[in-house]
């Protein structure tokens, strides 16, 4: 019987470099001869990517309510779990995801103020009980993260168009505190890595973490 693949998630606020570190870890695992797939949440599937566009883009005429936002994230996770994550993991593929349900808990719960018990039930329903084997929390001071987001946005599209990058410092501070709260509550799953260093420094810290947790020798 084929061994189930590992499910690794990266979490953190805006500007922590999650997408870059997901890519670098996937490349390192691939070099080590492992079957690996990098995904993002929201997104991952055809339906999920359409939902991502709705969730990420600020519409001046009609912004999403926090409740609508929550339900759309739940729909995205539901599709992702059944159509992507479970099939890949069953085939022994190591899946690395840029965000998963912890972001929903933090952004819609700790930052938007929705009921945390409700969020727990919706996440459990949407994700069918699937939990990451390891969650790497890339932690950064919110002011530095916002500055990095602004630089990144200048290369793509105005930051005002992104519903999350354009939030206030108080919002991003609540996001950071939310992630740290969950990490403290689940120390067996979370590993906290500072995202304040260079891309290479953070990547090396991530590989050291993966090597320790899974007995690998990634270079």
N, C-alpha and C. Protein backbone atom coordinates (compact mmCIF):
# COMPACT_ATOMS: atom_id res chain seq x y z
N UNK A 1 0.84 -1.20 0.00
CA UNK A 1 0.00 0.00 0.00
C UNK A 1 0.87 1.25 0.00
N UNK A 2 0.53 2.21 -0.87
CA UNK A 2 1.33 3.42 -0.99
C UNK A 2 1.20 4.30 0.26
N UNK A 3 2.35 4.82 0.72
CA UNK A 3 2.33 5.71 1.87
C UNK A 3 1.70 7.05 1.49
N UNK A 4 0.92 7.59 2.40
CA UNK A 4 0.31 8.90 2.17
C UNK A 4 1.37 9.97 2.15
N UNK A 5 1.20 10.94 1.25
CA UNK A 5 2.13 12.05 1.18
C UNK A 5 2.00 12.99 2.37
N UNK A 6 3.00 13.80 2.59
CA UNK A 6 2.96 14.78 3.67
C UNK A 6 2.27 16.05 3.19
N UNK A 7 1.53 16.68 4.09
CA UNK A 7 0.84 17.92 3.79
C UNK A 7 1.45 19.03 4.64
N UNK A 8 2.14 19.95 3.96
CA UNK A 8 2.85 21.05 4.62
C UNK A 8 2.22 22.36 4.21
N UNK A 9 1.91 23.21 5.18
CA UNK A 9 1.36 24.52 4.86
C UNK A 9 2.27 25.63 5.35
N UNK A 10 2.25 26.75 4.62
CA UNK A 10 2.94 27.96 5.03
C UNK A 10 1.88 29.00 5.38
N UNK A 11 2.03 29.62 6.55
CA UNK A 11 1.12 30.66 6.98
C UNK A 11 1.90 31.91 7.37
N UNK A 12 1.17 33.00 7.52
CA UNK A 12 1.81 34.27 7.90
C UNK A 12 1.07 35.44 7.29
N UNK A 13 1.41 36.62 7.74
CA UNK A 13 0.78 37.83 7.22
C UNK A 13 1.28 38.20 5.85
N UNK A 14 0.82 39.36 5.38
CA UNK A 14 1.24 39.84 4.07
C UNK A 14 2.72 40.22 4.12
N UNK A 15 3.42 39.97 3.02
CA UNK A 15 4.82 40.38 2.92
C UNK A 15 5.82 39.47 3.59
N UNK A 16 5.40 38.27 3.99
CA UNK A 16 6.32 37.35 4.65
C UNK A 16 7.09 36.46 3.67
N UNK A 17 6.72 36.51 2.40
CA UNK A 17 7.44 35.72 1.39
C UNK A 17 7.00 34.28 1.30
N UNK A 18 5.75 34.00 1.66
CA UNK A 18 5.27 32.62 1.65
C UNK A 18 5.37 31.98 0.27
N UNK A 19 4.93 32.68 -0.75
CA UNK A 19 4.92 32.11 -2.10
C UNK A 19 6.32 31.73 -2.55
N UNK A 20 7.28 32.59 -2.25
CA UNK A 20 8.67 32.32 -2.62
C UNK A 20 9.19 31.11 -1.87
N UNK A 21 8.92 31.03 -0.58
CA UNK A 21 9.42 29.90 0.22
C UNK A 21 8.74 28.59 -0.14
N UNK A 22 7.46 28.64 -0.51
CA UNK A 22 6.78 27.44 -1.00
C UNK A 22 7.48 26.92 -2.25
N UNK A 23 7.78 27.83 -3.17
CA UNK A 23 8.45 27.43 -4.42
C UNK A 23 9.84 26.86 -4.14
N UNK A 24 10.60 27.51 -3.28
CA UNK A 24 11.96 27.05 -3.00
C UNK A 24 11.97 25.69 -2.31
N UNK A 25 11.04 25.48 -1.39
CA UNK A 25 10.97 24.18 -0.73
C UNK A 25 10.56 23.09 -1.71
N UNK A 26 9.60 23.40 -2.59
CA UNK A 26 9.18 22.42 -3.59
C UNK A 26 10.35 22.03 -4.49
N UNK A 27 11.16 23.00 -4.87
CA UNK A 27 12.33 22.72 -5.71
C UNK A 27 13.35 21.86 -4.96
N UNK A 28 13.54 22.13 -3.66
CA UNK A 28 14.48 21.34 -2.86
C UNK A 28 14.00 19.90 -2.72
N UNK A 29 12.71 19.71 -2.50
CA UNK A 29 12.16 18.36 -2.38
C UNK A 29 12.25 17.62 -3.72
N UNK A 30 12.02 18.34 -4.79
CA UNK A 30 12.13 17.74 -6.12
C UNK A 30 13.56 17.29 -6.40
N UNK A 31 14.53 18.11 -6.02
CA UNK A 31 15.94 17.73 -6.20
C UNK A 31 16.28 16.48 -5.39
N UNK A 32 15.60 16.31 -4.27
CA UNK A 32 15.83 15.14 -3.41
C UNK A 32 15.13 13.89 -3.93
N UNK A 33 14.43 14.04 -5.07
CA UNK A 33 13.78 12.88 -5.68
C UNK A 33 12.40 12.58 -5.17
N UNK A 34 11.79 13.53 -4.46
CA UNK A 34 10.46 13.31 -3.92
C UNK A 34 9.38 13.81 -4.87
N UNK A 35 8.23 13.18 -4.82
CA UNK A 35 7.08 13.68 -5.57
C UNK A 35 6.48 14.83 -4.78
N UNK A 36 6.35 15.99 -5.41
CA UNK A 36 5.92 17.17 -4.68
C UNK A 36 5.03 18.04 -5.57
N UNK A 37 4.08 18.70 -4.94
CA UNK A 37 3.20 19.63 -5.64
C UNK A 37 2.99 20.86 -4.78
N UNK A 38 3.18 22.04 -5.38
CA UNK A 38 2.95 23.31 -4.68
C UNK A 38 1.61 23.87 -5.11
N UNK A 39 0.82 24.31 -4.13
CA UNK A 39 -0.51 24.85 -4.41
C UNK A 39 -0.70 26.13 -3.59
N UNK A 40 -1.82 26.81 -3.84
CA UNK A 40 -2.12 28.00 -3.05
C UNK A 40 -3.59 28.02 -2.68
N UNK A 41 -3.86 28.68 -1.53
CA UNK A 41 -5.23 28.80 -1.06
C UNK A 41 -5.50 30.26 -0.67
N UNK A 42 -6.55 30.88 -1.20
CA UNK A 42 -7.54 30.27 -2.09
C UNK A 42 -6.95 30.01 -3.46
N UNK A 43 -7.49 29.02 -4.13
CA UNK A 43 -7.02 28.65 -5.46
C UNK A 43 -6.87 27.16 -5.60
N UNK A 44 -5.88 26.76 -6.37
CA UNK A 44 -5.56 25.35 -6.50
C UNK A 44 -6.32 24.62 -7.59
N UNK A 45 -7.62 24.82 -7.65
CA UNK A 45 -8.45 24.17 -8.66
C UNK A 45 -9.02 25.24 -9.60
N UNK A 46 -9.64 24.79 -10.68
CA UNK A 46 -10.25 25.75 -11.62
C UNK A 46 -11.29 26.61 -10.92
N UNK A 47 -12.16 25.97 -10.16
CA UNK A 47 -13.17 26.70 -9.40
C UNK A 47 -12.51 27.59 -8.34
N UNK A 48 -11.52 27.04 -7.65
CA UNK A 48 -10.84 27.78 -6.60
C UNK A 48 -10.16 29.05 -7.10
N UNK A 49 -9.58 28.98 -8.30
CA UNK A 49 -8.92 30.16 -8.85
C UNK A 49 -9.92 31.26 -9.19
N UNK A 50 -11.12 30.87 -9.63
CA UNK A 50 -12.16 31.87 -9.88
C UNK A 50 -12.61 32.52 -8.57
N UNK A 51 -12.73 31.71 -7.53
CA UNK A 51 -13.09 32.25 -6.22
C UNK A 51 -11.98 33.15 -5.69
N UNK A 52 -10.75 32.80 -5.97
CA UNK A 52 -9.61 33.62 -5.52
C UNK A 52 -9.71 35.04 -6.07
N UNK A 53 -10.06 35.14 -7.35
CA UNK A 53 -10.17 36.46 -7.97
C UNK A 53 -11.22 37.31 -7.25
N UNK A 54 -12.34 36.69 -6.93
CA UNK A 54 -13.40 37.40 -6.20
C UNK A 54 -12.92 37.82 -4.81
N UNK A 55 -12.24 36.91 -4.12
CA UNK A 55 -11.81 37.16 -2.75
C UNK A 55 -10.71 38.20 -2.65
N UNK A 56 -9.81 38.22 -3.63
CA UNK A 56 -8.64 39.08 -3.54
C UNK A 56 -8.86 40.48 -4.09
N UNK A 57 -9.83 40.65 -4.99
CA UNK A 57 -9.98 41.92 -5.70
C UNK A 57 -11.05 42.79 -5.05
N UNK A 58 -10.67 44.01 -4.72
CA UNK A 58 -11.60 44.95 -4.12
C UNK A 58 -12.45 45.61 -5.21
N UNK A 59 -13.76 45.48 -5.08
CA UNK A 59 -14.69 46.11 -6.01
C UNK A 59 -15.30 47.34 -5.35
N UNK A 60 -15.11 48.50 -5.94
CA UNK A 60 -15.60 49.73 -5.34
C UNK A 60 -17.13 49.73 -5.21
N UNK A 61 -17.80 49.13 -6.18
CA UNK A 61 -19.26 49.17 -6.18
C UNK A 61 -19.87 48.32 -5.08
N UNK A 62 -19.22 47.20 -4.74
CA UNK A 62 -19.82 46.29 -3.75
C UNK A 62 -18.74 45.39 -3.16
N UNK A 63 -18.27 45.73 -1.98
CA UNK A 63 -17.27 44.89 -1.33
C UNK A 63 -17.96 43.71 -0.64
N UNK A 64 -17.20 42.67 -0.39
CA UNK A 64 -17.74 41.49 0.27
C UNK A 64 -17.98 41.76 1.75
N UNK A 65 -19.03 41.18 2.29
CA UNK A 65 -19.21 41.20 3.74
C UNK A 65 -18.28 40.15 4.35
N UNK A 66 -17.91 40.28 5.63
CA UNK A 66 -17.07 39.26 6.26
C UNK A 66 -17.68 37.86 6.17
N UNK A 67 -19.00 37.77 6.29
CA UNK A 67 -19.68 36.48 6.23
C UNK A 67 -19.58 35.86 4.84
N UNK A 68 -19.77 36.69 3.81
CA UNK A 68 -19.64 36.20 2.44
C UNK A 68 -18.21 35.74 2.19
N UNK A 69 -17.26 36.52 2.66
CA UNK A 69 -15.85 36.19 2.52
C UNK A 69 -15.56 34.82 3.13
N UNK A 70 -16.07 34.60 4.34
CA UNK A 70 -15.86 33.33 5.03
C UNK A 70 -16.42 32.15 4.23
N UNK A 71 -17.64 32.30 3.74
CA UNK A 71 -18.28 31.20 3.01
C UNK A 71 -17.58 30.92 1.68
N UNK A 72 -17.06 31.94 1.04
CA UNK A 72 -16.32 31.73 -0.21
C UNK A 72 -15.01 30.98 0.06
N UNK A 73 -14.34 31.33 1.15
CA UNK A 73 -13.13 30.58 1.52
C UNK A 73 -13.48 29.13 1.81
N UNK A 74 -14.60 28.91 2.50
CA UNK A 74 -15.03 27.55 2.79
C UNK A 74 -15.30 26.77 1.52
N UNK A 75 -15.95 27.40 0.54
CA UNK A 75 -16.22 26.74 -0.74
C UNK A 75 -14.92 26.39 -1.46
N UNK A 76 -13.99 27.30 -1.42
CA UNK A 76 -12.69 27.05 -2.06
C UNK A 76 -11.98 25.88 -1.41
N UNK A 77 -11.96 25.84 -0.08
CA UNK A 77 -11.30 24.74 0.63
C UNK A 77 -11.98 23.40 0.34
N UNK A 78 -13.31 23.42 0.29
CA UNK A 78 -14.05 22.19 0.03
C UNK A 78 -13.67 21.60 -1.33
N UNK A 79 -13.63 22.45 -2.34
CA UNK A 79 -13.26 22.00 -3.68
C UNK A 79 -11.81 21.53 -3.73
N UNK A 80 -10.96 22.26 -3.03
CA UNK A 80 -9.52 21.96 -3.02
C UNK A 80 -9.24 20.61 -2.35
N UNK A 81 -9.91 20.36 -1.24
CA UNK A 81 -9.69 19.12 -0.50
C UNK A 81 -10.08 17.91 -1.34
N UNK A 82 -11.26 17.95 -1.95
CA UNK A 82 -11.76 16.79 -2.68
C UNK A 82 -11.14 16.61 -4.05
N UNK A 83 -10.88 17.69 -4.74
CA UNK A 83 -10.40 17.60 -6.12
C UNK A 83 -8.88 17.64 -6.26
N UNK A 84 -8.19 18.09 -5.21
CA UNK A 84 -6.74 18.23 -5.33
C UNK A 84 -5.97 17.58 -4.19
N UNK A 85 -6.24 17.99 -2.96
CA UNK A 85 -5.39 17.56 -1.85
C UNK A 85 -5.50 16.06 -1.57
N UNK A 86 -6.70 15.55 -1.37
CA UNK A 86 -6.85 14.13 -1.06
C UNK A 86 -6.30 13.23 -2.16
N UNK A 87 -6.60 13.48 -3.44
CA UNK A 87 -6.04 12.62 -4.49
C UNK A 87 -4.52 12.65 -4.55
N UNK A 88 -3.93 13.83 -4.41
CA UNK A 88 -2.46 13.92 -4.47
C UNK A 88 -1.82 13.24 -3.27
N UNK A 89 -2.32 13.49 -2.09
CA UNK A 89 -1.76 12.87 -0.89
C UNK A 89 -1.89 11.35 -0.94
N UNK A 90 -3.00 10.86 -1.47
CA UNK A 90 -3.21 9.41 -1.58
C UNK A 90 -2.21 8.76 -2.51
N UNK A 91 -1.69 9.53 -3.47
CA UNK A 91 -0.69 9.02 -4.41
C UNK A 91 0.74 9.17 -3.89
N UNK A 92 0.87 9.58 -2.64
CA UNK A 92 2.20 9.71 -2.04
C UNK A 92 2.90 11.00 -2.35
N UNK A 93 2.16 11.97 -2.89
CA UNK A 93 2.76 13.26 -3.23
C UNK A 93 2.81 14.14 -1.98
N UNK A 94 3.95 14.79 -1.76
CA UNK A 94 4.05 15.79 -0.70
C UNK A 94 3.47 17.09 -1.24
N UNK A 95 2.44 17.60 -0.58
CA UNK A 95 1.77 18.82 -1.03
C UNK A 95 2.17 19.97 -0.11
N UNK A 96 2.61 21.07 -0.72
CA UNK A 96 2.97 22.27 0.02
C UNK A 96 1.99 23.36 -0.37
N UNK A 97 1.28 23.90 0.60
CA UNK A 97 0.25 24.90 0.31
C UNK A 97 0.60 26.26 0.89
N UNK A 98 0.48 27.26 0.05
CA UNK A 98 0.59 28.65 0.46
C UNK A 98 -0.76 29.05 1.06
N UNK A 99 -0.88 28.90 2.38
CA UNK A 99 -2.08 29.13 3.18
C UNK A 99 -3.04 27.94 3.13
N UNK A 100 -3.84 27.84 4.20
CA UNK A 100 -4.94 26.88 4.27
C UNK A 100 -5.92 27.39 5.32
N UNK A 101 -6.58 26.52 6.07
CA UNK A 101 -7.67 26.99 6.92
C UNK A 101 -7.23 27.87 8.08
N UNK A 102 -5.95 27.80 8.49
CA UNK A 102 -5.50 28.67 9.56
C UNK A 102 -5.64 30.14 9.17
N UNK A 103 -5.41 30.44 7.89
CA UNK A 103 -5.59 31.82 7.43
C UNK A 103 -7.04 32.25 7.55
N UNK A 104 -7.97 31.33 7.28
CA UNK A 104 -9.38 31.66 7.44
C UNK A 104 -9.69 32.01 8.89
N UNK A 105 -9.20 31.19 9.81
CA UNK A 105 -9.42 31.45 11.23
C UNK A 105 -8.86 32.80 11.64
N UNK A 106 -7.68 33.12 11.15
CA UNK A 106 -7.02 34.36 11.56
C UNK A 106 -7.64 35.59 10.88
N UNK A 107 -7.76 35.54 9.58
CA UNK A 107 -8.24 36.73 8.85
C UNK A 107 -9.72 37.01 9.11
N UNK A 108 -10.54 35.97 9.06
CA UNK A 108 -11.97 36.18 9.24
C UNK A 108 -12.37 36.18 10.72
N UNK A 109 -11.60 35.52 11.56
CA UNK A 109 -11.90 35.46 12.98
C UNK A 109 -11.19 36.53 13.78
N UNK A 110 -9.89 36.40 13.95
CA UNK A 110 -9.13 37.33 14.77
C UNK A 110 -9.10 38.74 14.20
N UNK A 111 -9.07 38.88 12.88
CA UNK A 111 -8.98 40.22 12.28
C UNK A 111 -10.34 40.81 11.91
N UNK A 112 -11.24 39.99 11.33
CA UNK A 112 -12.56 40.50 10.94
C UNK A 112 -13.57 40.44 12.10
N UNK A 113 -13.29 39.60 13.09
CA UNK A 113 -14.15 39.58 14.27
C UNK A 113 -15.30 38.60 14.24
N UNK A 114 -15.28 37.65 13.28
CA UNK A 114 -16.34 36.64 13.27
C UNK A 114 -16.12 35.63 14.39
N UNK A 115 -17.19 34.96 14.78
CA UNK A 115 -17.16 34.03 15.91
C UNK A 115 -16.19 32.87 15.65
N UNK A 116 -15.27 32.66 16.56
CA UNK A 116 -14.23 31.64 16.38
C UNK A 116 -14.79 30.23 16.41
N UNK A 117 -15.80 29.99 17.23
CA UNK A 117 -16.42 28.66 17.26
C UNK A 117 -17.10 28.36 15.93
N UNK A 118 -17.76 29.36 15.36
CA UNK A 118 -18.38 29.19 14.05
C UNK A 118 -17.33 28.88 12.99
N UNK A 119 -16.23 29.60 13.05
CA UNK A 119 -15.14 29.37 12.09
C UNK A 119 -14.60 27.95 12.19
N UNK A 120 -14.46 27.47 13.41
CA UNK A 120 -13.96 26.10 13.60
C UNK A 120 -14.89 25.08 12.95
N UNK A 121 -16.18 25.26 13.10
CA UNK A 121 -17.15 24.34 12.50
C UNK A 121 -17.12 24.43 10.97
N UNK A 122 -17.04 25.63 10.43
CA UNK A 122 -17.02 25.79 8.97
C UNK A 122 -15.74 25.22 8.39
N UNK A 123 -14.62 25.46 9.05
CA UNK A 123 -13.35 24.89 8.57
C UNK A 123 -13.38 23.37 8.60
N UNK A 124 -13.92 22.81 9.67
CA UNK A 124 -13.99 21.35 9.79
C UNK A 124 -14.88 20.76 8.69
N UNK A 125 -16.00 21.40 8.44
CA UNK A 125 -16.92 20.94 7.39
C UNK A 125 -16.28 21.07 6.01
N UNK A 126 -15.67 22.21 5.74
CA UNK A 126 -15.10 22.47 4.42
C UNK A 126 -13.89 21.58 4.12
N UNK A 127 -13.09 21.32 5.13
CA UNK A 127 -11.84 20.59 4.93
C UNK A 127 -11.95 19.11 5.26
N UNK A 128 -13.16 18.63 5.62
CA UNK A 128 -13.40 17.21 5.91
C UNK A 128 -12.44 16.66 6.96
N UNK A 129 -12.00 17.51 7.87
CA UNK A 129 -11.10 17.06 8.91
C UNK A 129 -9.64 16.98 8.50
N UNK A 130 -9.33 17.32 7.25
CA UNK A 130 -7.94 17.27 6.79
C UNK A 130 -7.14 18.38 7.47
N UNK A 131 -6.02 18.00 8.11
CA UNK A 131 -5.16 18.97 8.76
C UNK A 131 -3.73 18.79 8.25
N UNK A 132 -2.96 19.87 8.20
CA UNK A 132 -1.55 19.76 7.77
C UNK A 132 -0.75 18.90 8.75
N UNK A 133 0.23 18.20 8.20
CA UNK A 133 1.17 17.47 9.06
C UNK A 133 2.13 18.45 9.73
N UNK A 134 2.41 19.54 9.04
CA UNK A 134 3.32 20.57 9.56
C UNK A 134 2.89 21.92 9.01
N UNK A 135 2.85 22.92 9.87
CA UNK A 135 2.56 24.28 9.43
C UNK A 135 3.72 25.18 9.81
N UNK A 136 4.32 25.81 8.82
CA UNK A 136 5.42 26.74 9.03
C UNK A 136 4.86 28.15 9.04
N UNK A 137 4.98 28.81 10.17
CA UNK A 137 4.50 30.18 10.31
C UNK A 137 5.68 31.13 10.09
N UNK A 138 5.61 31.87 8.99
CA UNK A 138 6.62 32.89 8.71
C UNK A 138 6.19 34.17 9.39
N UNK A 139 6.95 34.58 10.39
CA UNK A 139 6.55 35.69 11.25
C UNK A 139 7.37 36.94 10.93
N UNK A 140 6.68 38.08 10.90
CA UNK A 140 7.35 39.34 10.59
C UNK A 140 6.60 40.48 11.27
N UNK A 141 7.30 41.55 11.56
CA UNK A 141 6.65 42.75 12.06
C UNK A 141 5.69 43.28 10.99
N UNK A 142 4.45 43.56 11.35
CA UNK A 142 3.45 43.96 10.36
C UNK A 142 3.86 45.18 9.52
N UNK A 143 4.56 46.14 10.12
CA UNK A 143 4.97 47.32 9.37
C UNK A 143 5.94 46.94 8.25
N UNK A 144 6.89 46.06 8.55
CA UNK A 144 7.82 45.60 7.52
C UNK A 144 7.09 44.79 6.47
N UNK A 145 6.16 43.95 6.90
CA UNK A 145 5.38 43.17 5.95
C UNK A 145 4.59 44.04 5.00
N UNK A 146 3.96 45.10 5.52
CA UNK A 146 3.20 46.01 4.68
C UNK A 146 4.10 46.73 3.69
N UNK A 147 5.30 47.09 4.14
CA UNK A 147 6.25 47.76 3.24
C UNK A 147 6.64 46.84 2.10
N UNK A 148 6.89 45.58 2.42
CA UNK A 148 7.24 44.61 1.38
C UNK A 148 6.07 44.40 0.41
N UNK A 149 4.86 44.36 0.95
CA UNK A 149 3.68 44.19 0.09
C UNK A 149 3.54 45.35 -0.87
N UNK A 150 3.83 46.55 -0.40
CA UNK A 150 3.73 47.74 -1.26
C UNK A 150 4.73 47.67 -2.40
N UNK A 151 5.93 47.21 -2.10
CA UNK A 151 6.95 47.08 -3.14
C UNK A 151 6.53 46.05 -4.17
N UNK A 152 6.00 44.91 -3.68
CA UNK A 152 5.55 43.85 -4.58
C UNK A 152 4.39 44.33 -5.45
N UNK A 153 3.46 45.05 -4.83
CA UNK A 153 2.28 45.53 -5.57
C UNK A 153 2.66 46.51 -6.66
N UNK A 154 3.71 47.29 -6.41
CA UNK A 154 4.14 48.28 -7.40
C UNK A 154 4.60 47.62 -8.70
N UNK A 155 4.98 46.35 -8.60
CA UNK A 155 5.45 45.62 -9.77
C UNK A 155 4.31 44.92 -10.50
N UNK A 156 3.12 44.89 -9.89
CA UNK A 156 1.99 44.17 -10.50
C UNK A 156 0.80 45.10 -10.71
N UNK A 157 0.07 45.37 -9.63
CA UNK A 157 -1.10 46.25 -9.72
C UNK A 157 -1.22 47.06 -8.44
N UNK A 158 -1.97 48.17 -8.45
CA UNK A 158 -2.07 49.01 -7.26
C UNK A 158 -2.51 48.23 -6.04
N UNK A 159 -1.87 48.52 -4.90
CA UNK A 159 -2.16 47.79 -3.67
C UNK A 159 -3.61 48.01 -3.24
N UNK A 160 -4.19 49.15 -3.64
CA UNK A 160 -5.58 49.44 -3.26
C UNK A 160 -6.56 48.43 -3.82
N UNK A 161 -6.16 47.73 -4.89
CA UNK A 161 -7.04 46.75 -5.52
C UNK A 161 -7.08 45.43 -4.76
N UNK A 162 -6.07 45.18 -3.91
CA UNK A 162 -6.01 43.93 -3.15
C UNK A 162 -6.74 44.11 -1.84
N UNK A 163 -7.73 43.26 -1.57
CA UNK A 163 -8.59 43.42 -0.41
C UNK A 163 -7.86 43.20 0.92
N UNK A 164 -6.72 42.50 0.88
CA UNK A 164 -6.01 42.21 2.12
C UNK A 164 -4.75 43.06 2.27
N UNK A 165 -3.98 43.20 1.20
CA UNK A 165 -2.79 44.05 1.27
C UNK A 165 -3.14 45.48 1.66
N UNK A 166 -4.31 45.94 1.26
CA UNK A 166 -4.69 47.34 1.49
C UNK A 166 -5.29 47.60 2.86
N UNK A 167 -5.37 46.58 3.71
CA UNK A 167 -5.93 46.78 5.04
C UNK A 167 -5.00 47.61 5.93
N UNK A 168 -5.52 48.04 7.08
CA UNK A 168 -4.78 48.92 7.99
C UNK A 168 -3.71 48.17 8.77
N UNK A 169 -2.82 48.94 9.40
CA UNK A 169 -1.80 48.34 10.26
C UNK A 169 -2.45 47.60 11.42
N UNK A 170 -3.52 48.14 11.96
CA UNK A 170 -4.22 47.47 13.07
C UNK A 170 -4.73 46.10 12.62
N UNK A 171 -5.24 46.02 11.41
CA UNK A 171 -5.73 44.74 10.87
C UNK A 171 -4.58 43.74 10.77
N UNK A 172 -3.46 44.17 10.19
CA UNK A 172 -2.33 43.25 10.02
C UNK A 172 -1.69 42.87 11.35
N UNK A 173 -1.76 43.76 12.33
CA UNK A 173 -1.28 43.43 13.67
C UNK A 173 -2.17 42.35 14.29
N UNK A 174 -3.48 42.47 14.08
CA UNK A 174 -4.41 41.45 14.58
C UNK A 174 -4.15 40.11 13.89
N UNK A 175 -3.81 40.15 12.61
CA UNK A 175 -3.48 38.94 11.87
C UNK A 175 -2.26 38.26 12.49
N UNK A 176 -1.21 39.03 12.72
CA UNK A 176 0.00 38.45 13.31
C UNK A 176 -0.29 37.85 14.67
N UNK A 177 -1.00 38.59 15.51
CA UNK A 177 -1.31 38.10 16.85
C UNK A 177 -2.17 36.83 16.79
N UNK A 178 -3.07 36.78 15.82
CA UNK A 178 -3.92 35.60 15.66
C UNK A 178 -3.10 34.37 15.32
N UNK A 179 -2.18 34.52 14.38
CA UNK A 179 -1.33 33.38 14.02
C UNK A 179 -0.49 32.92 15.20
N UNK A 180 0.08 33.86 15.94
CA UNK A 180 0.91 33.49 17.09
C UNK A 180 0.08 32.81 18.18
N UNK A 181 -1.17 33.22 18.31
CA UNK A 181 -2.07 32.59 19.29
C UNK A 181 -2.34 31.14 18.92
N UNK A 182 -2.64 30.89 17.63
CA UNK A 182 -2.91 29.52 17.19
C UNK A 182 -1.65 28.67 17.30
N UNK A 183 -0.50 29.24 16.93
CA UNK A 183 0.76 28.49 17.01
C UNK A 183 1.08 28.08 18.44
N UNK A 184 0.79 28.97 19.39
CA UNK A 184 1.02 28.65 20.80
C UNK A 184 0.08 27.56 21.28
N UNK A 185 -1.12 27.52 20.70
CA UNK A 185 -2.12 26.52 21.10
C UNK A 185 -1.83 25.15 20.48
N UNK A 186 -1.15 25.13 19.33
CA UNK A 186 -0.86 23.87 18.64
C UNK A 186 0.64 23.73 18.35
N UNK A 187 1.47 23.67 19.40
CA UNK A 187 2.92 23.61 19.20
C UNK A 187 3.39 22.34 18.50
N UNK A 188 2.57 21.28 18.55
CA UNK A 188 2.98 20.04 17.88
C UNK A 188 2.91 20.16 16.36
N UNK A 189 2.11 21.08 15.87
CA UNK A 189 1.96 21.24 14.41
C UNK A 189 2.72 22.44 13.87
N UNK A 190 2.82 23.50 14.63
CA UNK A 190 3.40 24.75 14.14
C UNK A 190 4.90 24.85 14.43
N UNK A 191 5.62 25.44 13.48
CA UNK A 191 7.00 25.84 13.68
C UNK A 191 7.11 27.29 13.21
N UNK A 192 7.63 28.16 14.06
CA UNK A 192 7.70 29.59 13.75
C UNK A 192 9.10 29.93 13.25
N UNK A 193 9.17 30.57 12.10
CA UNK A 193 10.43 30.99 11.50
C UNK A 193 10.35 32.48 11.20
N UNK A 194 11.37 33.23 11.58
CA UNK A 194 11.40 34.65 11.28
C UNK A 194 11.52 34.88 9.78
N UNK A 195 10.67 35.76 9.26
CA UNK A 195 10.71 36.09 7.83
C UNK A 195 11.44 37.40 7.58
N UNK A 196 12.12 37.92 8.61
CA UNK A 196 12.77 39.23 8.49
C UNK A 196 14.09 39.17 7.73
N UNK A 197 14.68 37.97 7.61
CA UNK A 197 15.96 37.84 6.94
C UNK A 197 15.86 37.85 5.42
N UNK A 198 16.98 37.54 4.78
CA UNK A 198 16.99 37.46 3.32
C UNK A 198 16.23 36.21 2.87
N UNK A 199 15.91 36.16 1.59
CA UNK A 199 15.23 34.98 1.05
C UNK A 199 16.04 33.72 1.32
N UNK A 200 17.35 33.80 1.12
CA UNK A 200 18.21 32.64 1.34
C UNK A 200 18.25 32.23 2.80
N UNK A 201 18.32 33.19 3.70
CA UNK A 201 18.34 32.88 5.14
C UNK A 201 17.06 32.18 5.57
N UNK A 202 15.94 32.68 5.11
CA UNK A 202 14.66 32.06 5.47
C UNK A 202 14.56 30.67 4.85
N UNK A 203 14.99 30.54 3.59
CA UNK A 203 14.94 29.24 2.91
C UNK A 203 15.78 28.20 3.64
N UNK A 204 16.94 28.60 4.12
CA UNK A 204 17.80 27.67 4.86
C UNK A 204 17.15 27.26 6.18
N UNK A 205 16.49 28.21 6.84
CA UNK A 205 15.80 27.89 8.09
C UNK A 205 14.64 26.93 7.82
N UNK A 206 13.95 27.13 6.71
CA UNK A 206 12.85 26.23 6.34
C UNK A 206 13.38 24.82 6.09
N UNK A 207 14.46 24.71 5.33
CA UNK A 207 15.03 23.38 5.03
C UNK A 207 15.52 22.70 6.30
N UNK A 208 16.13 23.46 7.20
CA UNK A 208 16.57 22.88 8.48
C UNK A 208 15.37 22.32 9.24
N UNK A 209 14.27 23.06 9.21
CA UNK A 209 13.05 22.63 9.89
C UNK A 209 12.51 21.35 9.27
N UNK A 210 12.42 21.30 7.95
CA UNK A 210 11.91 20.12 7.25
C UNK A 210 12.81 18.91 7.50
N UNK A 211 14.12 19.13 7.45
CA UNK A 211 15.06 18.03 7.70
C UNK A 211 14.86 17.45 9.09
N UNK A 212 14.67 18.32 10.07
CA UNK A 212 14.50 17.87 11.44
C UNK A 212 13.18 17.13 11.63
N UNK A 213 12.11 17.67 11.05
CA UNK A 213 10.77 17.11 11.28
C UNK A 213 10.57 15.79 10.56
N UNK A 214 11.16 15.65 9.37
CA UNK A 214 10.87 14.48 8.54
C UNK A 214 12.11 13.60 8.26
N UNK A 215 13.21 13.89 8.93
CA UNK A 215 14.40 13.05 8.77
C UNK A 215 15.00 13.10 7.38
N UNK A 216 14.97 14.26 6.74
CA UNK A 216 15.50 14.42 5.39
C UNK A 216 16.87 15.08 5.43
N UNK A 217 17.49 15.20 4.26
CA UNK A 217 18.78 15.87 4.15
C UNK A 217 18.74 16.83 2.96
N UNK A 218 17.79 17.75 3.00
CA UNK A 218 17.67 18.72 1.91
C UNK A 218 18.86 19.68 1.92
N UNK A 219 19.31 20.01 0.71
CA UNK A 219 20.45 20.93 0.57
C UNK A 219 19.98 22.24 -0.03
